[in-house]
C-alpha atoms as a PDB file:
ATOM      1  CA  MET A   1      85.968 198.552  79.174  1.00  0.00           C
ATOM      2  CA  THR A   2      87.523 197.163  76.024  1.00  0.00           C
ATOM      3  CA  LEU A   3      89.229 193.768  76.279  1.00  0.00           C
ATOM      4  CA  ALA A   4      93.059 193.906  76.079  1.00  0.00           C
ATOM      5  CA  ASP A   5      93.287 190.611  74.048  1.00  0.00           C
ATOM      6  CA  THR A   6      90.505 190.378  71.430  1.00  0.00           C
ATOM      7  CA  THR A   7      91.691 187.060  69.926  1.00  0.00           C
ATOM      8  CA  GLN A   8      90.128 184.948  72.708  1.00  0.00           C
ATOM      9  CA  TYR A   9      86.743 186.641  72.165  1.00  0.00           C
ATOM     10  CA  GLN A  10      87.029 186.256  68.419  1.00  0.00           C
ATOM     11  CA  ARG A  11      87.745 182.546  68.684  1.00  0.00           C
ATOM     12  CA  PHE A  12      84.981 182.109  71.220  1.00  0.00           C
ATOM     13  CA  VAL A  13      82.352 183.822  69.016  1.00  0.00           C
ATOM     14  CA  GLY A  14      83.674 181.930  65.985  1.00  0.00           C
ATOM     15  CA  SER A  15      83.021 178.654  67.823  1.00  0.00           C
ATOM     16  CA  LEU A  16      79.568 179.864  68.732  1.00  0.00           C
ATOM     17  CA  LEU A  17      78.843 180.732  65.048  1.00  0.00           C
ATOM     18  CA  TYR A  18      79.835 177.168  64.115  1.00  0.00           C
ATOM     19  CA  LEU A  19      77.624 175.726  66.798  1.00  0.00           C
ATOM     20  CA  ASN A  20      74.833 177.973  65.580  1.00  0.00           C
ATOM     21  CA  VAL A  21      74.319 175.626  62.609  1.00  0.00           C
ATOM     22  CA  THR A  22      72.647 173.034  64.811  1.00  0.00           C
ATOM     23  CA  ARG A  23      71.504 175.174  67.702  1.00  0.00           C
ATOM     24  CA  ILE A  24      68.944 177.564  66.253  1.00  0.00           C
ATOM     25  CA  ASP A  25      67.938 178.775  69.718  1.00  0.00           C
ATOM     26  CA  ILE A  26      71.238 180.711  70.119  1.00  0.00           C
ATOM     27  CA  ALA A  27      71.215 182.396  66.684  1.00  0.00           C
ATOM     28  CA  TYR A  28      70.038 185.759  67.707  1.00  0.00           C
ATOM     29  CA  VAL A  29      72.409 186.254  70.642  1.00  0.00           C
ATOM     30  CA  VAL A  30      75.340 184.900  68.615  1.00  0.00           C
ATOM     31  CA  GLU A  31      74.521 187.392  65.905  1.00  0.00           C
ATOM     32  CA  ILE A  32      74.550 190.254  68.392  1.00  0.00           C
ATOM     33  CA  LEU A  33      77.841 189.021  69.883  1.00  0.00           C
ATOM     34  CA  SER A  34      79.436 188.842  66.449  1.00  0.00           C
ATOM     35  CA  GLN A  35      78.707 192.525  65.916  1.00  0.00           C
ATOM     36  CA  PHE A  36      81.275 193.378  68.556  1.00  0.00           C
ATOM     37  CA  ILE A  37      84.016 191.034  67.159  1.00  0.00           C
ATOM     38  CA  HIS A  38      86.531 193.795  66.354  1.00  0.00           C
ATOM     39  CA  ASN A  39      86.082 195.851  69.572  1.00  0.00           C
ATOM     40  CA  PRO A  40      84.618 193.656  72.314  1.00  0.00           C
ATOM     41  CA  GLU A  41      84.126 194.789  75.820  1.00  0.00           C
ATOM     42  CA  GLN A  42      84.198 192.777  79.017  1.00  0.00           C
ATOM     43  CA  SER A  43      80.418 192.783  79.064  1.00  0.00           C
ATOM     44  CA  CYS A  44      80.420 191.076  75.594  1.00  0.00           C
ATOM     45  CA  MET A  45      82.699 188.354  76.949  1.00  0.00           C
ATOM     46  CA  ASN A  46      80.468 187.921  80.012  1.00  0.00           C
ATOM     47  CA  ALA A  47      77.371 187.509  77.648  1.00  0.00           C
ATOM     48  CA  ALA A  48      79.241 184.930  75.527  1.00  0.00           C
ATOM     49  CA  LEU A  49      80.049 182.953  78.726  1.00  0.00           C
ATOM     50  CA  ARG A  50      76.379 183.045  79.636  1.00  0.00           C
ATOM     51  CA  VAL A  51      75.585 181.564  76.252  1.00  0.00           C
ATOM     52  CA  VAL A  52      77.977 178.646  77.024  1.00  0.00           C
ATOM     53  CA  LYS A  53      76.321 178.127  80.382  1.00  0.00           C
ATOM     54  CA  TYR A  54      72.897 178.042  78.648  1.00  0.00           C
ATOM     55  CA  ILE A  55      74.089 175.420  76.182  1.00  0.00           C
ATOM     56  CA  LYS A  56      75.552 173.288  79.029  1.00  0.00           C
ATOM     57  CA  ASN A  57      72.234 173.441  80.923  1.00  0.00           C
ATOM     58  CA  ALA A  58      69.986 172.764  77.962  1.00  0.00           C
ATOM     59  CA  PRO A  59      71.290 169.738  76.112  1.00  0.00           C
ATOM     60  CA  GLY A  60      69.133 167.993  73.504  1.00  0.00           C
ATOM     61  CA  LEU A  61      67.938 171.115  71.747  1.00  0.00           C
ATOM     62  CA  ASP A  62      69.859 170.122  68.618  1.00  0.00           C
ATOM     63  CA  LEU A  63      68.467 170.231  65.028  1.00  0.00           C
ATOM     64  CA  LEU A  64      66.326 167.194  64.226  1.00  0.00           C
ATOM     65  CA  MET A  65      65.523 166.082  60.706  1.00  0.00           C
ATOM     66  CA  PRO A  66      62.001 164.812  60.060  1.00  0.00           C
ATOM     67  CA  LEU A  67      61.467 161.394  58.388  1.00  0.00           C
ATOM     68  CA  ASP A  68      58.635 162.518  56.005  1.00  0.00           C
ATOM     69  CA  GLY A  69      60.910 161.878  53.026  1.00  0.00           C
ATOM     70  CA  LEU A  70      59.970 164.928  51.001  1.00  0.00           C
ATOM     71  CA  GLY A  71      63.535 166.152  50.608  1.00  0.00           C
ATOM     72  CA  LYS A  72      62.454 169.641  49.401  1.00  0.00           C
ATOM     73  CA  PHE A  73      64.583 172.691  50.009  1.00  0.00           C
ATOM     74  CA  GLU A  74      62.905 176.009  50.537  1.00  0.00           C
ATOM     75  CA  SER A  75      64.432 179.370  51.316  1.00  0.00           C
ATOM     76  CA  TYR A  76      62.971 182.774  52.141  1.00  0.00           C
ATOM     77  CA  CYS A  77      64.635 186.169  52.400  1.00  0.00           C
ATOM     78  CA  ASP A  78      63.582 189.634  53.578  1.00  0.00           C
ATOM     79  CA  SER A  79      65.456 192.877  53.864  1.00  0.00           C
ATOM     80  CA  ASP A  80      64.798 196.314  55.234  1.00  0.00           C
ATOM     81  CA  TRP A  81      66.745 199.339  53.878  1.00  0.00           C
ATOM     82  CA  GLY A  82      67.922 201.456  56.849  1.00  0.00           C
ATOM     83  CA  GLY A  83      65.952 199.319  59.223  1.00  0.00           C
ATOM     84  CA  CYS A  84      68.363 199.188  62.141  1.00  0.00           C
ATOM     85  CA  LEU A  85      67.384 201.977  64.507  1.00  0.00           C
ATOM     86  CA  GLN A  86      70.822 202.155  66.197  1.00  0.00           C
ATOM     87  CA  THR A  87      73.027 202.266  63.085  1.00  0.00           C
ATOM     88  CA  ARG A  88      70.490 203.132  60.298  1.00  0.00           C
ATOM     89  CA  ARG A  89      72.053 200.335  58.239  1.00  0.00           C
ATOM     90  CA  SER A  90      70.147 197.860  56.109  1.00  0.00           C
ATOM     91  CA  THR A  91      69.144 194.598  57.757  1.00  0.00           C
ATOM     92  CA  THR A  92      68.537 191.225  56.120  1.00  0.00           C
ATOM     93  CA  GLY A  93      66.995 188.026  57.364  1.00  0.00           C
ATOM     94  CA  TYR A  94      66.747 184.589  55.788  1.00  0.00           C
ATOM     95  CA  LEU A  95      65.352 181.140  56.456  1.00  0.00           C
ATOM     96  CA  VAL A  96      66.415 177.833  54.835  1.00  0.00           C
ATOM     97  CA  LYS A  97      64.230 174.675  55.277  1.00  0.00           C
ATOM     98  CA  PHE A  98      64.820 171.107  54.249  1.00  0.00           C
ATOM     99  CA  SER A  99      61.484 169.239  54.323  1.00  0.00           C
ATOM    100  CA  ASN A 100      59.782 170.730  57.355  1.00  0.00           C
ATOM    101  CA  ALA A 101      63.056 171.276  59.328  1.00  0.00           C
ATOM    102  CA  ILE A 102      64.707 174.620  59.725  1.00  0.00           C
ATOM    103  CA  MET A 103      68.309 174.310  58.588  1.00  0.00           C
ATOM    104  CA  SER A 104      69.572 177.878  58.909  1.00  0.00           C
ATOM    105  CA  TRP A 105      68.139 181.284  59.655  1.00  0.00           C
ATOM    106  CA  LYS A 106      69.212 184.764  60.456  1.00  0.00           C
ATOM    107  CA  SER A 107      66.964 187.375  62.055  1.00  0.00           C
ATOM    108  CA  LYS A 108      66.689 190.832  60.594  1.00  0.00           C
ATOM    109  CA  LYS A 109      68.377 192.552  63.569  1.00  0.00           C
END
C-alpha cells in the first residue's frame, strides 16, 4: 500500500542519510530505504521506524577516529555492470578511510 503523503518518508530517510555519515552500521538499510524514496509503501515507513528504534537502543556506535597520527586518506571503488539481480542495473561500492578509520562507505547493492 503506497503512502498518501510521501514527504514525511522523504524527510525521514533524508535524516537517516545524514546520520549515516557517523553510523556506518545503518548504511546498508538506509541505502535500501532510499531506493523507495519516490514511491514508498507503508512497509518502507515501518522499516525506517525500526531503524530509529535500533539507533535508540544501540547508542555509542558512532565513528571513532584513531590517534595514530598518520593522517592518510585512502579510497577504494568497485563496480559491477548489470550486477543487481532485481533491476539488472549497474552497482557501485566505495570505501573512504582516514588513517585506519572508515569515514564513508557504500555497499554494492
